[in-house]
Amino acid sequence: MIVEQRTYTLRPGCVPDFVALVRDEGLAIQAPYLGAPLGYFTSESGTLNQIVHLWGFTDAGDRETRRAALAADPAWQGFVPKVLKLIDRMESRILLPTSFSAIGGQTA
């Protein structure tokens, strides 16, 4: 398993609007392709105005296939501009869970 960590730094004051858009529209579009997120968070300390979400995939190929299918969905294409205008910076990391993680993972 791999975990994709996506961190979005939003324009100040945009966190409530972003969360509402994802809750009310985005997750329903994503779910058939990505399933439920492993976690979806807002920042309370450190860098503020951040959204951090975690998605699980079998491997890099699984991630690529599922994200490409989502990107091709016209409903997703209509949704993305609504949230992009709220985002200042986007980061994506691929994380490898250790064998002692709650979700299991690599032996290294």
C-alpha atoms as a PDB file:
ATOM      1  CA  MET A   1       0.000   0.000   0.000  1.00  0.00           C
ATOM      2  CA  ILE A   2       1.004   3.598  -0.608  1.00  0.00           C
ATOM      3  CA  VAL A   3      -0.542   6.734   0.851  1.00  0.00           C
ATOM      4  CA  GLU A   4      -0.758   9.989  -1.040  1.00  0.00           C
ATOM      5  CA  GLN A   5      -0.613  13.042   1.197  1.00  0.00           C
ATOM      6  CA  ARG A   6      -2.015  16.143  -0.463  1.00  0.00           C
ATOM      7  CA  THR A   7      -1.496  19.474   1.271  1.00  0.00           C
ATOM      8  CA  TYR A   8      -3.267  22.566   0.009  1.00  0.00           C
ATOM      9  CA  THR A   9      -2.411  25.984   1.389  1.00  0.00           C
ATOM     10  CA  LEU A  10      -5.477  28.155   0.923  1.00  0.00           C
ATOM     11  CA  ARG A  11      -5.933  31.885   0.708  1.00  0.00           C
ATOM     12  CA  PRO A  12      -6.671  33.273   4.200  1.00  0.00           C
ATOM     13  CA  GLY A  13     -10.318  32.912   5.120  1.00  0.00           C
ATOM     14  CA  CYS A  14     -11.054  30.253   2.484  1.00  0.00           C
ATOM     15  CA  VAL A  15     -10.906  27.109   4.655  1.00  0.00           C
ATOM     16  CA  PRO A  16     -14.660  27.056   5.465  1.00  0.00           C
ATOM     17  CA  ASP A  17     -15.605  27.505   1.796  1.00  0.00           C
ATOM     18  CA  PHE A  18     -13.151  24.805   0.671  1.00  0.00           C
ATOM     19  CA  VAL A  19     -14.353  22.316   3.294  1.00  0.00           C
ATOM     20  CA  ALA A  20     -18.001  22.978   2.384  1.00  0.00           C
ATOM     21  CA  LEU A  21     -17.347  22.485  -1.346  1.00  0.00           C
ATOM     22  CA  VAL A  22     -15.516  19.213  -0.768  1.00  0.00           C
ATOM     23  CA  ARG A  23     -18.124  17.967   1.710  1.00  0.00           C
ATOM     24  CA  ASP A  24     -21.142  18.980  -0.366  1.00  0.00           C
ATOM     25  CA  GLU A  25     -19.869  18.205  -3.886  1.00  0.00           C
ATOM     26  CA  GLY A  26     -16.315  16.923  -4.207  1.00  0.00           C
ATOM     27  CA  LEU A  27     -16.364  13.743  -2.155  1.00  0.00           C
ATOM     28  CA  ALA A  28     -19.395  12.366  -3.998  1.00  0.00           C
ATOM     29  CA  ILE A  29     -17.541  12.782  -7.295  1.00  0.00           C
ATOM     30  CA  GLN A  30     -14.276  11.332  -5.961  1.00  0.00           C
ATOM     31  CA  ALA A  31     -15.725   8.351  -4.087  1.00  0.00           C
ATOM     32  CA  PRO A  32     -16.404   6.078  -7.095  1.00  0.00           C
ATOM     33  CA  TYR A  33     -12.768   6.464  -8.167  1.00  0.00           C
ATOM     34  CA  LEU A  34     -10.780   6.994  -4.965  1.00  0.00           C
ATOM     35  CA  GLY A  35     -13.009   5.575  -2.240  1.00  0.00           C
ATOM     36  CA  ALA A  36     -13.105   7.392   1.088  1.00  0.00           C
ATOM     37  CA  PRO A  37     -10.051   9.363   2.184  1.00  0.00           C
ATOM     38  CA  LEU A  38      -7.934   7.850   4.956  1.00  0.00           C
ATOM     39  CA  GLY A  39      -8.079  11.270   6.587  1.00  0.00           C
ATOM     40  CA  TYR A  40      -9.070  14.846   5.827  1.00  0.00           C
ATOM     41  CA  PHE A  41      -7.729  17.583   8.104  1.00  0.00           C
ATOM     42  CA  THR A  42      -7.493  21.331   8.614  1.00  0.00           C
ATOM     43  CA  SER A  43      -4.494  22.933  10.341  1.00  0.00           C
ATOM     44  CA  GLU A  44      -4.805  24.474  13.808  1.00  0.00           C
ATOM     45  CA  SER A  45      -1.144  25.314  14.416  1.00  0.00           C
ATOM     46  CA  GLY A  46       2.024  25.721  12.403  1.00  0.00           C
ATOM     47  CA  THR A  47       1.188  26.766   8.854  1.00  0.00           C
ATOM     48  CA  LEU A  48      -2.424  27.925   8.951  1.00  0.00           C
ATOM     49  CA  ASN A  49      -5.053  27.798   6.218  1.00  0.00           C
ATOM     50  CA  GLN A  50      -3.994  24.300   5.206  1.00  0.00           C
ATOM     51  CA  ILE A  51      -5.981  21.271   4.199  1.00  0.00           C
ATOM     52  CA  VAL A  52      -4.209  17.910   4.449  1.00  0.00           C
ATOM     53  CA  HIS A  53      -5.831  14.814   3.025  1.00  0.00           C
ATOM     54  CA  LEU A  54      -4.609  11.232   2.789  1.00  0.00           C
ATOM     55  CA  TRP A  55      -5.616   8.689   0.145  1.00  0.00           C
ATOM     56  CA  GLY A  56      -4.708   4.987   0.067  1.00  0.00           C
ATOM     57  CA  PHE A  57      -3.722   3.076  -3.062  1.00  0.00           C
ATOM     58  CA  THR A  58      -2.447  -0.418  -3.704  1.00  0.00           C
ATOM     59  CA  ASP A  59       0.593   0.910  -5.574  1.00  0.00           C
ATOM     60  CA  ALA A  60       1.695   3.703  -7.927  1.00  0.00           C
ATOM     61  CA  GLY A  61      -0.074   2.092 -10.897  1.00  0.00           C
ATOM     62  CA  ASP A  62      -3.344   1.893  -8.966  1.00  0.00           C
ATOM     63  CA  ARG A  63      -3.016   5.556  -8.029  1.00  0.00           C
ATOM     64  CA  GLU A  64      -2.280   6.581 -11.609  1.00  0.00           C
ATOM     65  CA  THR A  65      -5.240   4.610 -13.008  1.00  0.00           C
ATOM     66  CA  ARG A  66      -7.762   5.856 -10.456  1.00  0.00           C
ATOM     67  CA  ARG A  67      -6.639   9.497 -10.579  1.00  0.00           C
ATOM     68  CA  ALA A  68      -6.717   9.466 -14.413  1.00  0.00           C
ATOM     69  CA  ALA A  69     -10.282   8.124 -14.373  1.00  0.00           C
ATOM     70  CA  LEU A  70     -11.297  10.852 -11.912  1.00  0.00           C
ATOM     71  CA  ALA A  71      -9.621  13.550 -14.037  1.00  0.00           C
ATOM     72  CA  ALA A  72     -11.597  12.383 -17.086  1.00  0.00           C
ATOM     73  CA  ASP A  73     -14.965  12.663 -15.312  1.00  0.00           C
ATOM     74  CA  PRO A  74     -16.902  15.736 -16.561  1.00  0.00           C
ATOM     75  CA  ALA A  75     -18.375  16.279 -13.089  1.00  0.00           C
ATOM     76  CA  TRP A  76     -14.841  16.488 -11.636  1.00  0.00           C
ATOM     77  CA  GLN A  77     -13.760  18.833 -14.433  1.00  0.00           C
ATOM     78  CA  GLY A  78     -16.652  21.115 -13.464  1.00  0.00           C
ATOM     79  CA  PHE A  79     -15.832  20.915  -9.759  1.00  0.00           C
ATOM     80  CA  VAL A  80     -12.081  21.615  -9.891  1.00  0.00           C
ATOM     81  CA  PRO A  81     -12.304  25.305 -10.893  1.00  0.00           C
ATOM     82  CA  LYS A  82     -14.484  25.970  -7.831  1.00  0.00           C
ATOM     83  CA  VAL A  83     -11.734  24.898  -5.437  1.00  0.00           C
ATOM     84  CA  LEU A  84      -8.692  25.970  -7.462  1.00  0.00           C
ATOM     85  CA  LYS A  85      -9.582  29.626  -6.990  1.00  0.00           C
ATOM     86  CA  LEU A  86      -9.258  29.097  -3.201  1.00  0.00           C
ATOM     87  CA  ILE A  87      -5.798  27.460  -3.309  1.00  0.00           C
ATOM     88  CA  ASP A  88      -2.448  29.265  -3.198  1.00  0.00           C
ATOM     89  CA  ARG A  89      -0.172  26.197  -3.151  1.00  0.00           C
ATOM     90  CA  MET A  90      -0.534  22.454  -3.687  1.00  0.00           C
ATOM     91  CA  GLU A  91       1.838  19.692  -2.581  1.00  0.00           C
ATOM     92  CA  SER A  92       1.641  15.938  -3.054  1.00  0.00           C
ATOM     93  CA  ARG A  93       3.779  13.285  -1.343  1.00  0.00           C
ATOM     94  CA  ILE A  94       3.779   9.522  -1.640  1.00  0.00           C
ATOM     95  CA  LEU A  95       4.194   7.884   1.775  1.00  0.00           C
ATOM     96  CA  LEU A  96       5.090   4.252   2.446  1.00  0.00           C
ATOM     97  CA  PRO A  97       3.537   2.943   5.667  1.00  0.00           C
ATOM     98  CA  THR A  98       5.838   1.011   7.991  1.00  0.00           C
ATOM     99  CA  SER A  99       4.983  -2.521   9.070  1.00  0.00           C
ATOM    100  CA  PHE A 100       3.911  -1.222  12.499  1.00  0.00           C
ATOM    101  CA  SER A 101       1.489   1.420  11.135  1.00  0.00           C
ATOM    102  CA  ALA A 102      -2.174   0.952  11.965  1.00  0.00           C
ATOM    103  CA  ILE A 103      -2.809   0.434   8.228  1.00  0.00           C
ATOM    104  CA  GLY A 104       0.124  -1.950   7.802  1.00  0.00           C
ATOM    105  CA  GLY A 105       2.759  -1.501   5.158  1.00  0.00           C
ATOM    106  CA  GLN A 106       6.378  -1.987   4.167  1.00  0.00           C
ATOM    107  CA  THR A 107       8.776  -4.156   6.101  1.00  0.00           C
ATOM    108  CA  ALA A 108      11.683  -1.693   5.779  1.00  0.00           C
END
